[in-house]
């Protein structure tokens, strides 16, 4: 059984990594669109 105090940290880390992955996708898509479009 995990401590209740650790639960919000895990949820925060999941949300943070999800948001970071979303930012990475945006950063990869925008330069690609900028270079492919004249």
C-alpha atoms as a PDB file:
ATOM      1  CA  UNK A   1       0.000   0.000   0.000  1.00  0.00           C
ATOM      2  CA  UNK A   2       1.329   3.411  -0.917  1.00  0.00           C
ATOM      3  CA  UNK A   3       1.219   6.455   1.341  1.00  0.00           C
ATOM      4  CA  UNK A   4      -1.658   8.861   0.591  1.00  0.00           C
ATOM      5  CA  UNK A   5       0.844  11.720   0.484  1.00  0.00           C
ATOM      6  CA  UNK A   6       2.611  10.168  -2.503  1.00  0.00           C
ATOM      7  CA  UNK A   7      -0.551   9.919  -4.583  1.00  0.00           C
ATOM      8  CA  UNK A   8      -0.771  13.613  -5.655  1.00  0.00           C
ATOM      9  CA  UNK A   9       2.931  13.551  -6.590  1.00  0.00           C
ATOM     10  CA  UNK A  10       2.404  10.579  -8.923  1.00  0.00           C
ATOM     11  CA  UNK A  11      -0.670  12.215 -10.477  1.00  0.00           C
ATOM     12  CA  UNK A  12       1.276  15.466 -10.907  1.00  0.00           C
ATOM     13  CA  UNK A  13       4.185  13.620 -12.512  1.00  0.00           C
ATOM     14  CA  UNK A  14       1.841  11.841 -14.938  1.00  0.00           C
ATOM     15  CA  UNK A  15       0.189  15.135 -15.907  1.00  0.00           C
ATOM     16  CA  UNK A  16       3.589  16.854 -16.167  1.00  0.00           C
ATOM     17  CA  UNK A  17       5.093  14.187 -18.420  1.00  0.00           C
ATOM     18  CA  UNK A  18       1.919  14.139 -20.529  1.00  0.00           C
ATOM     19  CA  UNK A  19       2.125  17.932 -20.925  1.00  0.00           C
ATOM     20  CA  UNK A  20       5.862  17.718 -21.679  1.00  0.00           C
ATOM     21  CA  UNK A  21       5.236  15.116 -24.382  1.00  0.00           C
ATOM     22  CA  UNK A  22       2.516  17.361 -25.864  1.00  0.00           C
ATOM     23  CA  UNK A  23       4.956  20.289 -25.916  1.00  0.00           C
ATOM     24  CA  UNK A  24       7.598  18.098 -27.577  1.00  0.00           C
ATOM     25  CA  UNK A  25       5.120  17.112 -30.299  1.00  0.00           C
ATOM     26  CA  UNK A  26       4.223  20.767 -30.877  1.00  0.00           C
ATOM     27  CA  UNK A  27       7.884  21.775 -31.022  1.00  0.00           C
ATOM     28  CA  UNK A  28       8.568  19.045 -33.576  1.00  0.00           C
ATOM     29  CA  UNK A  29       5.508  19.840 -35.689  1.00  0.00           C
ATOM     30  CA  UNK A  30       5.904  23.623 -35.879  1.00  0.00           C
ATOM     31  CA  UNK A  31       9.456  23.725 -37.341  1.00  0.00           C
ATOM     32  CA  UNK A  32       8.454  20.963 -39.778  1.00  0.00           C
ATOM     33  CA  UNK A  33       5.451  23.002 -40.946  1.00  0.00           C
ATOM     34  CA  UNK A  34       7.573  26.152 -41.160  1.00  0.00           C
ATOM     35  CA  UNK A  35      10.212  24.487 -43.346  1.00  0.00           C
ATOM     36  CA  UNK A  36       7.773  22.586 -45.576  1.00  0.00           C
ATOM     37  CA  UNK A  37       5.650  25.673 -46.239  1.00  0.00           C
ATOM     38  CA  UNK A  38       7.253  28.470 -48.289  1.00  0.00           C
END
